[in-house]
């Protein structure tokens, strides 16, 4: 069963992936999920913030000139969400 606390972030990621939401807006949405981040161990916040910083940096440059692949970052964010969900289910 999916943890509902992750729903807003999953929806925002889907919007980012489809181009309906920009990297800065996604990052702001993710950073605003304080209840979710407080429910997870501190290392999850650290990893997410690192991914968001990289995503924001990648948005400043074209794909070719940036050292961060946006596709890889989106895959990493999906993996983070899956791991966060597993952690929340463990309690």
Protein backbone atom coordinates (compact mmCIF):
# COMPACT_ATOMS: atom_id res chain seq x y z
CA UNK A 1 0.00 0.00 0.00
CA UNK A 2 1.41 3.39 -1.01
CA UNK A 3 2.10 5.94 1.71
CA UNK A 4 -0.10 8.97 1.04
CA UNK A 5 2.60 11.33 2.35
CA UNK A 6 4.54 10.59 -0.84
CA UNK A 7 1.65 11.32 -3.21
CA UNK A 8 2.30 15.07 -3.66
CA UNK A 9 5.96 14.43 -4.43
CA UNK A 10 5.17 11.59 -6.84
CA UNK A 11 2.65 13.82 -8.63
CA UNK A 12 5.14 16.67 -8.83
CA UNK A 13 7.78 14.31 -10.22
CA UNK A 14 5.35 13.08 -12.88
CA UNK A 15 4.62 16.71 -13.80
CA UNK A 16 8.35 17.44 -13.98
CA UNK A 17 8.92 14.38 -16.14
CA UNK A 18 6.16 15.43 -18.54
CA UNK A 19 7.41 18.99 -18.75
CA UNK A 20 4.33 20.43 -17.03
CA UNK A 21 6.48 21.54 -14.08
CA UNK A 22 9.92 23.10 -14.11
CA UNK A 23 12.90 21.99 -12.04
CA UNK A 24 12.72 25.02 -9.74
CA UNK A 25 9.02 24.50 -9.04
CA UNK A 26 9.56 20.78 -8.41
CA UNK A 27 12.42 21.55 -6.07
CA UNK A 28 10.31 24.05 -4.14
CA UNK A 29 7.49 21.52 -3.89
CA UNK A 30 9.85 18.83 -2.65
CA UNK A 31 11.51 21.11 -0.11
CA UNK A 32 8.09 22.08 1.26
CA UNK A 33 7.31 18.46 2.22
CA UNK A 34 8.56 18.99 5.77
CA UNK A 35 6.14 16.50 7.37
CA UNK A 36 7.36 13.79 5.01
CA UNK A 37 11.01 14.64 5.55
CA UNK A 38 10.54 14.77 9.33
CA UNK A 39 9.02 11.26 9.23
CA UNK A 40 12.15 9.86 7.56
CA UNK A 41 15.65 9.35 8.95
CA UNK A 42 17.94 12.38 8.49
CA UNK A 43 19.94 10.71 5.73
CA UNK A 44 16.86 10.76 3.48
CA UNK A 45 16.62 14.56 3.78
CA UNK A 46 20.33 14.86 3.01
CA UNK A 47 20.10 12.69 -0.10
CA UNK A 48 16.95 14.42 -1.36
CA UNK A 49 18.43 17.89 -0.88
CA UNK A 50 21.55 16.81 -2.76
CA UNK A 51 19.44 15.51 -5.65
CA UNK A 52 17.41 18.72 -5.70
CA UNK A 53 20.56 20.85 -5.77
CA UNK A 54 21.84 18.83 -8.73
CA UNK A 55 18.46 19.09 -10.48
CA UNK A 56 18.40 22.86 -10.03
CA UNK A 57 21.95 23.09 -11.37
CA UNK A 58 21.11 20.96 -14.37
CA UNK A 59 18.17 23.21 -15.21
CA UNK A 60 20.54 26.16 -15.62
CA UNK A 61 22.36 24.54 -18.53
CA UNK A 62 21.50 22.64 -21.65
CA UNK A 63 21.68 18.85 -21.34
CA UNK A 64 24.92 18.77 -23.34
CA UNK A 65 26.82 21.24 -21.18
CA UNK A 66 25.74 19.97 -17.79
CA UNK A 67 27.56 17.29 -15.87
CA UNK A 68 24.24 16.00 -14.48
CA UNK A 69 21.92 14.07 -16.76
CA UNK A 70 18.35 15.16 -16.04
CA UNK A 71 17.12 11.66 -16.95
CA UNK A 72 19.51 10.14 -14.42
CA UNK A 73 18.41 12.65 -11.79
CA UNK A 74 14.75 11.82 -12.40
CA UNK A 75 15.58 8.11 -12.10
CA UNK A 76 17.41 8.84 -8.84
CA UNK A 77 14.43 10.79 -7.52
CA UNK A 78 12.10 7.88 -8.37
CA UNK A 79 14.47 5.52 -6.56
CA UNK A 80 14.54 7.88 -3.57
CA UNK A 81 10.73 7.85 -3.48
CA UNK A 82 10.65 4.05 -3.59
CA UNK A 83 13.19 3.78 -0.77
CA UNK A 84 11.39 6.44 1.27
CA UNK A 85 8.13 4.52 0.88
CA UNK A 86 9.79 1.30 2.04
CA UNK A 87 11.26 3.14 5.03
CA UNK A 88 7.88 4.64 5.97
CA UNK A 89 6.23 1.22 5.75
CA UNK A 90 8.81 -0.19 8.14
CA UNK A 91 7.66 2.45 10.55
